[in-house]
C-alpha atoms as a PDB file:
ATOM      1  CA  MET A   1     -18.775 162.436 163.888  1.00  0.00           C
ATOM      2  CA  ASP A   2     -18.480 166.024 162.237  1.00  0.00           C
ATOM      3  CA  SER A   3     -15.990 165.332 158.980  1.00  0.00           C
ATOM      4  CA  THR A   4     -16.766 169.175 158.073  1.00  0.00           C
ATOM      5  CA  VAL A   5     -13.713 171.144 157.124  1.00  0.00           C
ATOM      6  CA  THR A   6     -13.735 174.590 157.894  1.00  0.00           C
ATOM      7  CA  ALA A   7     -12.718 177.580 155.545  1.00  0.00           C
ATOM      8  CA  GLY A   8      -9.931 178.744 158.097  1.00  0.00           C
ATOM      9  CA  SER A   9      -8.632 175.101 158.966  1.00  0.00           C
ATOM     10  CA  GLU A  10      -8.159 174.809 155.229  1.00  0.00           C
ATOM     11  CA  GLU A  11      -6.535 177.666 154.508  1.00  0.00           C
ATOM     12  CA  ASN A  12      -4.493 177.066 157.694  1.00  0.00           C
ATOM     13  CA  VAL A  13      -3.005 173.496 155.924  1.00  0.00           C
ATOM     14  CA  TRP A  14      -2.392 174.819 152.692  1.00  0.00           C
ATOM     15  CA  GLY A  15      -0.569 178.266 153.733  1.00  0.00           C
ATOM     16  CA  GLY A  16       1.830 176.329 155.913  1.00  0.00           C
ATOM     17  CA  GLY A  17       0.643 176.664 158.632  1.00  0.00           C
ATOM     18  CA  ASN A  18       1.193 173.207 159.613  1.00  0.00           C
ATOM     19  CA  ARG A  19       4.899 172.091 159.839  1.00  0.00           C
ATOM     20  CA  PRO A  20       5.859 168.467 159.378  1.00  0.00           C
ATOM     21  CA  LEU A  21       8.071 167.595 162.376  1.00  0.00           C
ATOM     22  CA  ASN A  22       8.442 171.621 163.005  1.00  0.00           C
ATOM     23  CA  ALA A  23      10.536 172.159 160.129  1.00  0.00           C
ATOM     24  CA  SER A  24      10.110 175.101 157.893  1.00  0.00           C
ATOM     25  CA  TYR A  25       9.319 174.825 154.055  1.00  0.00           C
ATOM     26  CA  GLY A  26      12.888 175.546 153.327  1.00  0.00           C
ATOM     27  CA  LYS A  27      14.787 172.946 155.589  1.00  0.00           C
ATOM     28  CA  LEU A  28      11.879 170.262 154.211  1.00  0.00           C
ATOM     29  CA  MET A  29      12.365 170.863 150.692  1.00  0.00           C
ATOM     30  CA  MET A  30      16.475 170.490 151.397  1.00  0.00           C
ATOM     31  CA  TRP A  31      15.840 167.236 152.799  1.00  0.00           C
ATOM     32  CA  PHE A  32      13.748 165.938 150.294  1.00  0.00           C
ATOM     33  CA  PHE A  33      16.426 167.057 147.846  1.00  0.00           C
ATOM     34  CA  LEU A  34      18.956 165.058 150.165  1.00  0.00           C
ATOM     35  CA  VAL A  35      17.213 161.948 149.769  1.00  0.00           C
ATOM     36  CA  SER A  36      16.751 162.349 146.262  1.00  0.00           C
ATOM     37  CA  ASP A  37      20.330 162.599 146.246  1.00  0.00           C
ATOM     38  CA  ALA A  38      20.867 159.829 148.212  1.00  0.00           C
ATOM     39  CA  LEU A  39      19.601 157.357 146.370  1.00  0.00           C
ATOM     40  CA  THR A  40      21.257 159.008 142.985  1.00  0.00           C
ATOM     41  CA  PHE A  41      24.329 158.342 144.708  1.00  0.00           C
ATOM     42  CA  SER A  42      23.500 154.777 145.823  1.00  0.00           C
ATOM     43  CA  GLY A  43      22.913 154.045 142.355  1.00  0.00           C
ATOM     44  CA  PHE A  44      26.214 154.549 141.490  1.00  0.00           C
ATOM     45  CA  LEU A  45      27.777 152.824 144.142  1.00  0.00           C
ATOM     46  CA  ALA A  46      25.608 149.660 144.095  1.00  0.00           C
ATOM     47  CA  SER A  47      27.064 150.064 140.000  1.00  0.00           C
ATOM     48  CA  TYR A  48      30.331 150.341 141.286  1.00  0.00           C
ATOM     49  CA  GLY A  49      30.085 147.193 143.665  1.00  0.00           C
ATOM     50  CA  PHE A  50      28.355 145.121 141.146  1.00  0.00           C
ATOM     51  CA  SER A  51      31.168 145.748 138.544  1.00  0.00           C
ATOM     52  CA  ARG A  52      34.304 145.148 140.641  1.00  0.00           C
ATOM     53  CA  PHE A  53      33.037 142.077 142.333  1.00  0.00           C
ATOM     54  CA  LYS A  54      31.816 140.861 138.715  1.00  0.00           C
ATOM     55  CA  PHE A  55      35.588 141.716 137.616  1.00  0.00           C
ATOM     56  CA  ILE A  56      37.369 141.235 140.745  1.00  0.00           C
ATOM     57  CA  GLU A  57      40.158 139.319 139.579  1.00  0.00           C
ATOM     58  CA  THR A  58      41.688 141.710 137.297  1.00  0.00           C
ATOM     59  CA  TRP A  59      40.228 144.960 139.416  1.00  0.00           C
ATOM     60  CA  PRO A  60      43.056 147.322 140.263  1.00  0.00           C
ATOM     61  CA  ILE A  61      44.708 147.311 143.706  1.00  0.00           C
ATOM     62  CA  ALA A  62      43.910 150.773 145.390  1.00  0.00           C
ATOM     63  CA  ASP A  63      47.395 151.098 147.443  1.00  0.00           C
ATOM     64  CA  GLU A  64      49.011 150.268 144.051  1.00  0.00           C
ATOM     65  CA  VAL A  65      47.116 153.262 142.403  1.00  0.00           C
ATOM     66  CA  PHE A  66      46.470 155.713 144.884  1.00  0.00           C
ATOM     67  CA  THR A  67      50.430 156.331 146.094  1.00  0.00           C
ATOM     68  CA  HIS A  68      51.090 159.781 145.677  1.00  0.00           C
ATOM     69  CA  VAL A  69      51.815 162.816 147.198  1.00  0.00           C
ATOM     70  CA  PRO A  70      52.415 166.554 146.442  1.00  0.00           C
ATOM     71  CA  PHE A  71      56.107 167.406 146.217  1.00  0.00           C
ATOM     72  CA  PHE A  72      57.145 163.825 147.601  1.00  0.00           C
ATOM     73  CA  HIS A  73      58.740 160.906 145.404  1.00  0.00           C
ATOM     74  CA  GLY A  74      57.793 157.641 146.217  1.00  0.00           C
ATOM     75  CA  ASN A  75      55.388 154.925 147.268  1.00  0.00           C
ATOM     76  CA  PHE A  76      52.754 156.291 149.971  1.00  0.00           C
ATOM     77  CA  PRO A  77      49.782 154.467 149.462  1.00  0.00           C
ATOM     78  CA  MET A  78      46.487 155.961 150.379  1.00  0.00           C
ATOM     79  CA  TYR A  79      48.305 158.688 152.487  1.00  0.00           C
ATOM     80  CA  TYR A  80      46.709 161.561 150.538  1.00  0.00           C
ATOM     81  CA  VAL A  81      43.655 160.305 149.831  1.00  0.00           C
ATOM     82  CA  ALA A  82      43.265 159.760 154.048  1.00  0.00           C
ATOM     83  CA  PHE A  83      44.431 163.617 154.438  1.00  0.00           C
ATOM     84  CA  MET A  84      41.808 165.043 151.655  1.00  0.00           C
ATOM     85  CA  THR A  85      39.215 162.817 153.563  1.00  0.00           C
ATOM     86  CA  PHE A  86      40.796 164.365 157.054  1.00  0.00           C
ATOM     87  CA  ILE A  87      40.145 168.156 155.688  1.00  0.00           C
ATOM     88  CA  LEU A  88      36.656 167.236 154.431  1.00  0.00           C
ATOM     89  CA  ILE A  89      35.507 165.894 157.951  1.00  0.00           C
ATOM     90  CA  MET A  90      37.202 168.649 160.150  1.00  0.00           C
ATOM     91  CA  SER A  91      35.032 170.776 157.308  1.00  0.00           C
ATOM     92  CA  SER A  92      32.032 169.404 158.548  1.00  0.00           C
ATOM     93  CA  VAL A  93      32.922 170.094 162.058  1.00  0.00           C
ATOM     94  CA  THR A  94      33.611 174.446 161.178  1.00  0.00           C
ATOM     95  CA  MET A  95      29.974 173.926 159.891  1.00  0.00           C
ATOM     96  CA  VAL A  96      28.503 172.521 162.790  1.00  0.00           C
ATOM     97  CA  LEU A  97      30.147 175.253 164.686  1.00  0.00           C
ATOM     98  CA  ALA A  98      28.944 177.851 162.496  1.00  0.00           C
ATOM     99  CA  VAL A  99      25.422 176.800 162.728  1.00  0.00           C
ATOM    100  CA  ASP A 100      25.567 176.603 166.313  1.00  0.00           C
ATOM    101  CA  ALA A 101      27.187 180.060 166.719  1.00  0.00           C
ATOM    102  CA  GLY A 102      23.880 180.848 164.077  1.00  0.00           C
ATOM    103  CA  HIS A 103      21.544 180.140 166.728  1.00  0.00           C
ATOM    104  CA  ARG A 104      23.333 181.865 169.439  1.00  0.00           C
ATOM    105  CA  MET A 105      22.907 185.019 166.963  1.00  0.00           C
ATOM    106  CA  MET A 106      26.924 185.183 167.105  1.00  0.00           C
ATOM    107  CA  LYS A 107      27.953 186.877 163.532  1.00  0.00           C
ATOM    108  CA  ASN A 108      31.773 187.227 163.927  1.00  0.00           C
ATOM    109  CA  ARG A 109      31.848 183.237 164.909  1.00  0.00           C
ATOM    110  CA  VAL A 110      29.744 182.262 162.271  1.00  0.00           C
ATOM    111  CA  ILE A 111      32.072 184.461 159.782  1.00  0.00           C
ATOM    112  CA  LEU A 112      34.962 182.730 161.368  1.00  0.00           C
ATOM    113  CA  TYR A 113      33.637 179.055 160.977  1.00  0.00           C
ATOM    114  CA  MET A 114      31.934 179.662 157.483  1.00  0.00           C
ATOM    115  CA  PHE A 115      35.723 181.144 156.460  1.00  0.00           C
ATOM    116  CA  LEU A 116      37.227 177.880 157.713  1.00  0.00           C
ATOM    117  CA  THR A 117      34.719 175.497 155.774  1.00  0.00           C
ATOM    118  CA  ILE A 118      35.125 176.996 152.516  1.00  0.00           C
ATOM    119  CA  ILE A 119      38.770 176.816 153.322  1.00  0.00           C
ATOM    120  CA  GLY A 120      38.918 173.082 153.808  1.00  0.00           C
ATOM    121  CA  GLY A 121      36.134 172.311 151.167  1.00  0.00           C
ATOM    122  CA  ALA A 122      38.450 174.511 148.280  1.00  0.00           C
ATOM    123  CA  ILE A 123      41.739 172.211 149.836  1.00  0.00           C
ATOM    124  CA  PHE A 124      39.405 169.071 148.731  1.00  0.00           C
ATOM    125  CA  VAL A 125      38.325 170.505 145.654  1.00  0.00           C
ATOM    126  CA  GLY A 126      42.096 171.043 144.477  1.00  0.00           C
ATOM    127  CA  SER A 127      43.408 167.862 145.876  1.00  0.00           C
ATOM    128  CA  GLN A 128      40.798 165.839 144.118  1.00  0.00           C
ATOM    129  CA  ALA A 129      41.443 167.922 141.068  1.00  0.00           C
ATOM    130  CA  TRP A 130      45.351 167.121 141.641  1.00  0.00           C
ATOM    131  CA  GLU A 131      44.405 163.423 142.038  1.00  0.00           C
ATOM    132  CA  TRP A 132      42.974 163.348 138.800  1.00  0.00           C
ATOM    133  CA  ALA A 133      45.738 164.677 137.212  1.00  0.00           C
ATOM    134  CA  THR A 134      48.131 162.502 138.061  1.00  0.00           C
ATOM    135  CA  PHE A 135      45.918 159.482 137.600  1.00  0.00           C
ATOM    136  CA  ILE A 136      45.385 160.738 133.850  1.00  0.00           C
ATOM    137  CA  THR A 137      49.238 161.097 133.709  1.00  0.00           C
ATOM    138  CA  GLY A 138      50.451 157.955 135.185  1.00  0.00           C
ATOM    139  CA  ASP A 139      53.824 156.965 136.491  1.00  0.00           C
ATOM    140  CA  TYR A 140      55.232 153.701 135.354  1.00  0.00           C
ATOM    141  CA  GLY A 141      52.972 152.782 131.917  1.00  0.00           C
ATOM    142  CA  ALA A 142      52.274 149.142 130.692  1.00  0.00           C
ATOM    143  CA  VAL A 143      51.438 147.298 127.678  1.00  0.00           C
ATOM    144  CA  GLU A 144      47.924 146.426 126.539  1.00  0.00           C
ATOM    145  CA  THR A 145      47.287 143.001 125.150  1.00  0.00           C
ATOM    146  CA  LYS A 146      45.451 142.246 121.667  1.00  0.00           C
ATOM    147  CA  GLY A 147      42.697 140.987 124.190  1.00  0.00           C
ATOM    148  CA  GLY A 148      42.377 144.135 126.087  1.00  0.00           C
ATOM    149  CA  ARG A 149      44.588 142.645 129.262  1.00  0.00           C
ATOM    150  CA  ILE A 150      47.203 144.601 130.772  1.00  0.00           C
ATOM    151  CA  LEU A 151      50.826 144.002 131.477  1.00  0.00           C
ATOM    152  CA  GLN A 152      52.822 145.578 134.120  1.00  0.00           C
ATOM    153  CA  PHE A 153      56.450 145.460 134.259  1.00  0.00           C
ATOM    154  CA  VAL A 154      58.513 144.586 137.633  1.00  0.00           C
ATOM    155  CA  LYS A 155      61.746 144.592 138.611  1.00  0.00           C
ATOM    156  CA  ALA A 156      63.225 140.972 139.732  1.00  0.00           C
ATOM    157  CA  ASP A 157      65.555 141.821 142.551  1.00  0.00           C
ATOM    158  CA  THR A 158      63.769 144.542 144.259  1.00  0.00           C
ATOM    159  CA  GLY A 159      59.838 143.243 143.394  1.00  0.00           C
ATOM    160  CA  GLU A 160      59.093 147.234 142.392  1.00  0.00           C
ATOM    161  CA  ARG A 161      57.241 148.269 139.563  1.00  0.00           C
ATOM    162  CA  ALA A 162      59.394 149.225 136.772  1.00  0.00           C
ATOM    163  CA  ALA A 163      58.643 152.167 134.182  1.00  0.00           C
ATOM    164  CA  LEU A 164      58.678 152.340 130.916  1.00  0.00           C
ATOM    165  CA  ALA A 165      61.805 154.872 130.923  1.00  0.00           C
ATOM    166  CA  ASP A 166      64.019 152.465 132.930  1.00  0.00           C
ATOM    167  CA  PHE A 167      64.265 149.633 130.856  1.00  0.00           C
ATOM    168  CA  ALA A 168      62.549 151.057 127.406  1.00  0.00           C
ATOM    169  CA  LYS A 169      65.191 151.168 124.020  1.00  0.00           C
ATOM    170  CA  THR A 170      64.916 154.023 122.243  1.00  0.00           C
ATOM    171  CA  LEU A 171      64.890 152.967 118.283  1.00  0.00           C
ATOM    172  CA  PRO A 172      65.802 156.092 115.935  1.00  0.00           C
ATOM    173  CA  SER A 173      63.653 154.210 113.006  1.00  0.00           C
ATOM    174  CA  GLU A 174      60.250 154.228 115.510  1.00  0.00           C
ATOM    175  CA  ARG A 175      60.538 158.221 115.961  1.00  0.00           C
ATOM    176  CA  GLN A 176      60.413 160.994 113.173  1.00  0.00           C
ATOM    177  CA  GLU A 177      61.342 164.305 114.105  1.00  0.00           C
ATOM    178  CA  LEU A 178      59.784 167.032 111.925  1.00  0.00           C
ATOM    179  CA  GLU A 179      61.115 170.334 111.787  1.00  0.00           C
ATOM    180  CA  ARG A 180      59.432 173.632 111.217  1.00  0.00           C
ATOM    181  CA  ASN A 181      60.004 173.540 107.186  1.00  0.00           C
ATOM    182  CA  ASP A 182      58.612 170.088 106.650  1.00  0.00           C
ATOM    183  CA  GLY A 183      55.497 171.595 106.633  1.00  0.00           C
ATOM    184  CA  LEU A 184      53.347 168.984 108.134  1.00  0.00           C
ATOM    185  CA  TRP A 185      50.701 169.642 110.653  1.00  0.00           C
ATOM    186  CA  PHE A 186      48.588 167.414 113.280  1.00  0.00           C
ATOM    187  CA  ASN A 187      45.431 167.234 112.153  1.00  0.00           C
ATOM    188  CA  GLN A 188      43.899 163.944 114.192  1.00  0.00           C
ATOM    189  CA  GLY A 189      44.486 161.164 116.437  1.00  0.00           C
ATOM    190  CA  ALA A 190      45.719 160.203 119.578  1.00  0.00           C
ATOM    191  CA  SER A 191      48.794 161.430 120.446  1.00  0.00           C
ATOM    192  CA  LEU A 192      51.773 159.198 120.754  1.00  0.00           C
ATOM    193  CA  PRO A 193      52.851 157.474 123.670  1.00  0.00           C
ATOM    194  CA  SER A 194      56.736 158.010 125.058  1.00  0.00           C
ATOM    195  CA  TYR A 195      57.989 154.560 123.960  1.00  0.00           C
ATOM    196  CA  SER A 196      56.721 152.673 121.036  1.00  0.00           C
ATOM    197  CA  LEU A 197      55.712 148.501 121.520  1.00  0.00           C
ATOM    198  CA  LYS A 198      58.496 147.579 119.699  1.00  0.00           C
ATOM    199  CA  GLU A 199      60.912 150.002 122.107  1.00  0.00           C
ATOM    200  CA  VAL A 200      59.486 148.191 125.203  1.00  0.00           C
ATOM    201  CA  THR A 201      59.419 144.978 123.748  1.00  0.00           C
ATOM    202  CA  GLU A 202      63.371 145.060 122.729  1.00  0.00           C
ATOM    203  CA  GLY A 203      63.709 146.658 126.191  1.00  0.00           C
ATOM    204  CA  LEU A 204      62.350 143.904 128.024  1.00  0.00           C
ATOM    205  CA  LYS A 205      64.496 141.277 125.780  1.00  0.00           C
ATOM    206  CA  ALA A 206      67.971 143.409 126.546  1.00  0.00           C
ATOM    207  CA  ASN A 207      67.112 143.977 130.339  1.00  0.00           C
ATOM    208  CA  PRO A 208      67.039 140.272 132.185  1.00  0.00           C
ATOM    209  CA  ASN A 209      65.745 141.808 135.818  1.00  0.00           C
ATOM    210  CA  ILE A 210      62.597 143.120 134.006  1.00  0.00           C
ATOM    211  CA  LEU A 211      59.175 140.792 134.909  1.00  0.00           C
ATOM    212  CA  ILE A 212      55.998 141.154 133.627  1.00  0.00           C
ATOM    213  CA  ARG A 213      53.332 140.734 135.700  1.00  0.00           C
ATOM    214  CA  THR A 214      49.045 140.322 134.739  1.00  0.00           C
ATOM    215  CA  GLU A 215      46.160 142.178 136.214  1.00  0.00           C
ATOM    216  CA  THR A 216      45.017 138.632 137.503  1.00  0.00           C
ATOM    217  CA  ILE A 217      45.116 138.827 141.223  1.00  0.00           C
ATOM    218  CA  THR A 218      46.037 135.706 142.982  1.00  0.00           C
ATOM    219  CA  GLU A 219      44.343 134.366 146.254  1.00  0.00           C
ATOM    220  CA  THR A 220      47.134 135.868 148.346  1.00  0.00           C
ATOM    221  CA  GLY A 221      45.776 139.129 146.932  1.00  0.00           C
ATOM    222  CA  GLU A 222      48.567 139.852 144.831  1.00  0.00           C
ATOM    223  CA  LYS A 223      48.806 140.602 140.959  1.00  0.00           C
ATOM    224  CA  THR A 224      50.571 137.301 138.836  1.00  0.00           C
ATOM    225  CA  LEU A 225      54.021 137.435 138.086  1.00  0.00           C
ATOM    226  CA  LEU A 226      55.290 135.719 135.284  1.00  0.00           C
ATOM    227  CA  THR A 227      58.949 133.999 135.382  1.00  0.00           C
ATOM    228  CA  ARG A 228      61.310 135.317 132.716  1.00  0.00           C
ATOM    229  CA  GLU A 229      60.554 132.676 129.797  1.00  0.00           C
ATOM    230  CA  GLU A 230      56.694 133.257 130.851  1.00  0.00           C
ATOM    231  CA  SER A 231      57.380 137.761 130.041  1.00  0.00           C
ATOM    232  CA  LEU A 232      59.469 137.282 127.087  1.00  0.00           C
ATOM    233  CA  SER A 233      56.365 135.070 125.312  1.00  0.00           C
ATOM    234  CA  LYS A 234      53.400 137.368 126.983  1.00  0.00           C
ATOM    235  CA  ILE A 235      55.083 140.451 125.334  1.00  0.00           C
ATOM    236  CA  LYS A 236      54.186 138.779 121.909  1.00  0.00           C
ATOM    237  CA  ASP A 237      50.539 139.078 122.643  1.00  0.00           C
ATOM    238  CA  GLY A 238      50.916 143.194 123.229  1.00  0.00           C
ATOM    239  CA  ALA A 239      49.225 145.836 121.032  1.00  0.00           C
ATOM    240  CA  LEU A 240      49.829 148.969 122.265  1.00  0.00           C
ATOM    241  CA  VAL A 241      51.557 151.151 124.753  1.00  0.00           C
ATOM    242  CA  VAL A 242      49.582 152.736 127.611  1.00  0.00           C
ATOM    243  CA  GLU A 243      49.903 155.872 129.778  1.00  0.00           C
ATOM    244  CA  GLY A 244      48.057 156.671 132.495  1.00  0.00           C
ATOM    245  CA  ALA A 245      44.166 156.277 132.449  1.00  0.00           C
ATOM    246  CA  ASN A 246      41.315 157.783 130.433  1.00  0.00           C
ATOM    247  CA  LEU A 247      37.884 156.577 129.598  1.00  0.00           C
ATOM    248  CA  VAL A 248      39.239 154.101 127.088  1.00  0.00           C
ATOM    249  CA  ARG A 249      42.251 152.728 128.296  1.00  0.00           C
ATOM    250  CA  ASN A 250      43.856 152.242 131.722  1.00  0.00           C
ATOM    251  CA  GLU A 251      47.310 151.202 132.523  1.00  0.00           C
ATOM    252  CA  TYR A 252      46.161 150.226 136.142  1.00  0.00           C
ATOM    253  CA  GLY A 253      43.822 147.442 135.244  1.00  0.00           C
ATOM    254  CA  SER A 254      40.720 146.963 134.113  1.00  0.00           C
ATOM    255  CA  ARG A 255      39.114 150.005 132.240  1.00  0.00           C
ATOM    256  CA  LEU A 256      35.922 149.991 134.426  1.00  0.00           C
ATOM    257  CA  PHE A 257      37.685 151.011 137.063  1.00  0.00           C
ATOM    258  CA  ALA A 258      38.924 154.337 135.685  1.00  0.00           C
ATOM    259  CA  ASP A 259      35.251 154.899 134.060  1.00  0.00           C
ATOM    260  CA  PHE A 260      33.709 154.653 137.438  1.00  0.00           C
ATOM    261  CA  PHE A 261      36.678 156.426 139.338  1.00  0.00           C
ATOM    262  CA  PHE A 262      36.196 159.543 136.940  1.00  0.00           C
ATOM    263  CA  PHE A 263      32.237 159.448 137.351  1.00  0.00           C
ATOM    264  CA  ILE A 264      31.574 158.751 140.926  1.00  0.00           C
ATOM    265  CA  THR A 265      34.381 161.213 142.596  1.00  0.00           C
ATOM    266  CA  GLY A 266      33.736 163.757 139.943  1.00  0.00           C
ATOM    267  CA  PHE A 267      29.984 163.830 140.496  1.00  0.00           C
ATOM    268  CA  HIS A 268      30.860 163.782 144.331  1.00  0.00           C
ATOM    269  CA  GLY A 269      33.917 167.124 143.463  1.00  0.00           C
ATOM    270  CA  PHE A 270      30.605 168.678 141.771  1.00  0.00           C
ATOM    271  CA  HIS A 271      28.521 168.420 144.548  1.00  0.00           C
ATOM    272  CA  VAL A 272      31.769 169.782 147.175  1.00  0.00           C
ATOM    273  CA  PHE A 273      32.577 172.500 143.915  1.00  0.00           C
ATOM    274  CA  SER A 274      28.871 173.723 144.326  1.00  0.00           C
ATOM    275  CA  GLY A 275      29.101 173.440 147.783  1.00  0.00           C
ATOM    276  CA  VAL A 276      31.763 175.776 148.083  1.00  0.00           C
ATOM    277  CA  ILE A 277      30.089 178.371 145.742  1.00  0.00           C
ATOM    278  CA  ILE A 278      27.046 178.371 148.083  1.00  0.00           C
ATOM    279  CA  ASN A 279      28.756 178.708 151.223  1.00  0.00           C
ATOM    280  CA  ILE A 280      31.019 181.823 149.653  1.00  0.00           C
ATOM    281  CA  ILE A 281      27.609 183.436 148.778  1.00  0.00           C
ATOM    282  CA  ILE A 282      26.261 182.924 152.613  1.00  0.00           C
ATOM    283  CA  PHE A 283      29.824 183.620 154.164  1.00  0.00           C
ATOM    284  CA  PHE A 284      29.307 187.403 152.018  1.00  0.00           C
ATOM    285  CA  ASN A 285      25.809 187.372 153.497  1.00  0.00           C
ATOM    286  CA  VAL A 286      26.293 186.998 156.656  1.00  0.00           C
ATOM    287  CA  ILE A 287      29.424 189.847 156.552  1.00  0.00           C
ATOM    288  CA  LEU A 288      26.564 192.332 155.087  1.00  0.00           C
ATOM    289  CA  GLY A 289      24.349 191.197 158.214  1.00  0.00           C
ATOM    290  CA  THR A 290      21.214 189.889 155.903  1.00  0.00           C
ATOM    291  CA  TYR A 291      20.356 187.175 158.443  1.00  0.00           C
ATOM    292  CA  GLU A 292      21.051 189.371 161.262  1.00  0.00           C
ATOM    293  CA  LYS A 293      18.071 191.430 159.672  1.00  0.00           C
ATOM    294  CA  ARG A 294      16.196 188.742 159.187  1.00  0.00           C
ATOM    295  CA  GLY A 295      16.450 187.644 163.200  1.00  0.00           C
ATOM    296  CA  HIS A 296      17.952 184.251 162.122  1.00  0.00           C
ATOM    297  CA  TYR A 297      20.803 182.201 160.328  1.00  0.00           C
ATOM    298  CA  GLU A 298      18.049 179.234 159.118  1.00  0.00           C
ATOM    299  CA  MET A 299      20.082 179.515 155.689  1.00  0.00           C
ATOM    300  CA  VAL A 300      23.433 178.424 157.694  1.00  0.00           C
ATOM    301  CA  GLU A 301      21.782 175.519 158.644  1.00  0.00           C
ATOM    302  CA  LYS A 302      20.286 174.478 155.494  1.00  0.00           C
ATOM    303  CA  VAL A 303      23.659 175.206 153.715  1.00  0.00           C
ATOM    304  CA  GLY A 304      24.958 173.041 156.465  1.00  0.00           C
ATOM    305  CA  LEU A 305      22.461 170.187 155.823  1.00  0.00           C
ATOM    306  CA  TYR A 306      23.954 169.981 152.269  1.00  0.00           C
ATOM    307  CA  TRP A 307      27.725 170.015 153.438  1.00  0.00           C
ATOM    308  CA  HIS A 308      26.784 167.096 155.973  1.00  0.00           C
ATOM    309  CA  PHE A 309      25.710 164.971 153.586  1.00  0.00           C
ATOM    310  CA  VAL A 310      28.757 165.778 151.152  1.00  0.00           C
ATOM    311  CA  ASP A 311      30.519 164.581 153.714  1.00  0.00           C
ATOM    312  CA  LEU A 312      28.969 161.311 154.435  1.00  0.00           C
ATOM    313  CA  VAL A 313      28.830 160.451 150.901  1.00  0.00           C
ATOM    314  CA  TRP A 314      32.472 160.993 150.689  1.00  0.00           C
ATOM    315  CA  VAL A 315      33.054 158.480 153.586  1.00  0.00           C
ATOM    316  CA  PHE A 316      30.759 155.764 151.754  1.00  0.00           C
ATOM    317  CA  VAL A 317      32.867 156.607 148.471  1.00  0.00           C
ATOM    318  CA  PHE A 318      36.337 156.539 150.306  1.00  0.00           C
ATOM    319  CA  THR A 319      35.158 153.007 151.394  1.00  0.00           C
ATOM    320  CA  PHE A 320      34.130 151.813 148.308  1.00  0.00           C
ATOM    321  CA  PHE A 321      37.019 153.108 146.017  1.00  0.00           C
ATOM    322  CA  TYR A 322      40.233 153.008 148.313  1.00  0.00           C
ATOM    323  CA  LEU A 323      39.550 150.647 151.367  1.00  0.00           C
ATOM    324  CA  VAL A 324      37.303 147.574 150.321  1.00  0.00           C
END
């Protein structure tokens, strides 16, 4: 068998003449990027899954954490997260329609569907920023024990969560109002919570309708509710008041939950934000007729691959954080 490679065939190979799966160089590189990014997200979610099942008895219950809806007060578990997911999935549908219109060289339809995709992505990013803000701020407040456990408060008659403002006593000795002429300036240290540990403790003692529940989850899937006597005894282990969540404290339960939430949803949110910016650039290129002059809308298809990937990743993030 003659294994001689002619100069012409060698030039054809290295010049891009052979196209794997009949894909262009740009589209193939996009697939390489998406595969590597998928492995990155897989590592993050695997770490989250390992940590969750290692500390499953103290992991926050998603239905009790994500209960907010903008402009509405009340308990609406998962409603707004479901809305965010629906918007992102619909933006993927409009991206499919944009790619299809590009194949048919229908410029006006590409403009329309790209615009709808950008709007959907912007709504999702804005919603995620709002969700972060509410997660960081918190609604109820809790007490962290010396061992790092979280104690939450419940109304005995209704079983609903009780906010610190519902029962904590205001003790003048715990606060010092400073006036401008005092000449004292804030330099460093964390801001004070709305109530001190002593004010929460005194309020608990004075209100017999308030009970404590720990972050330990029972076999029925609910957190452990203490009796009145156990609550009064447990509050003695309190070390500080926690409001909202950050990378150090978390009123909802295990601090690892907040760490993973900020990191993974933030990483995904950065992908969506980047996708929106890229879509805006492509959108204006379509308006200017750049791809009409090239004779194809392959760039729209390549951006579409990235957008579908971001959509798919959110399905897994949504499942891991909110549903399971």
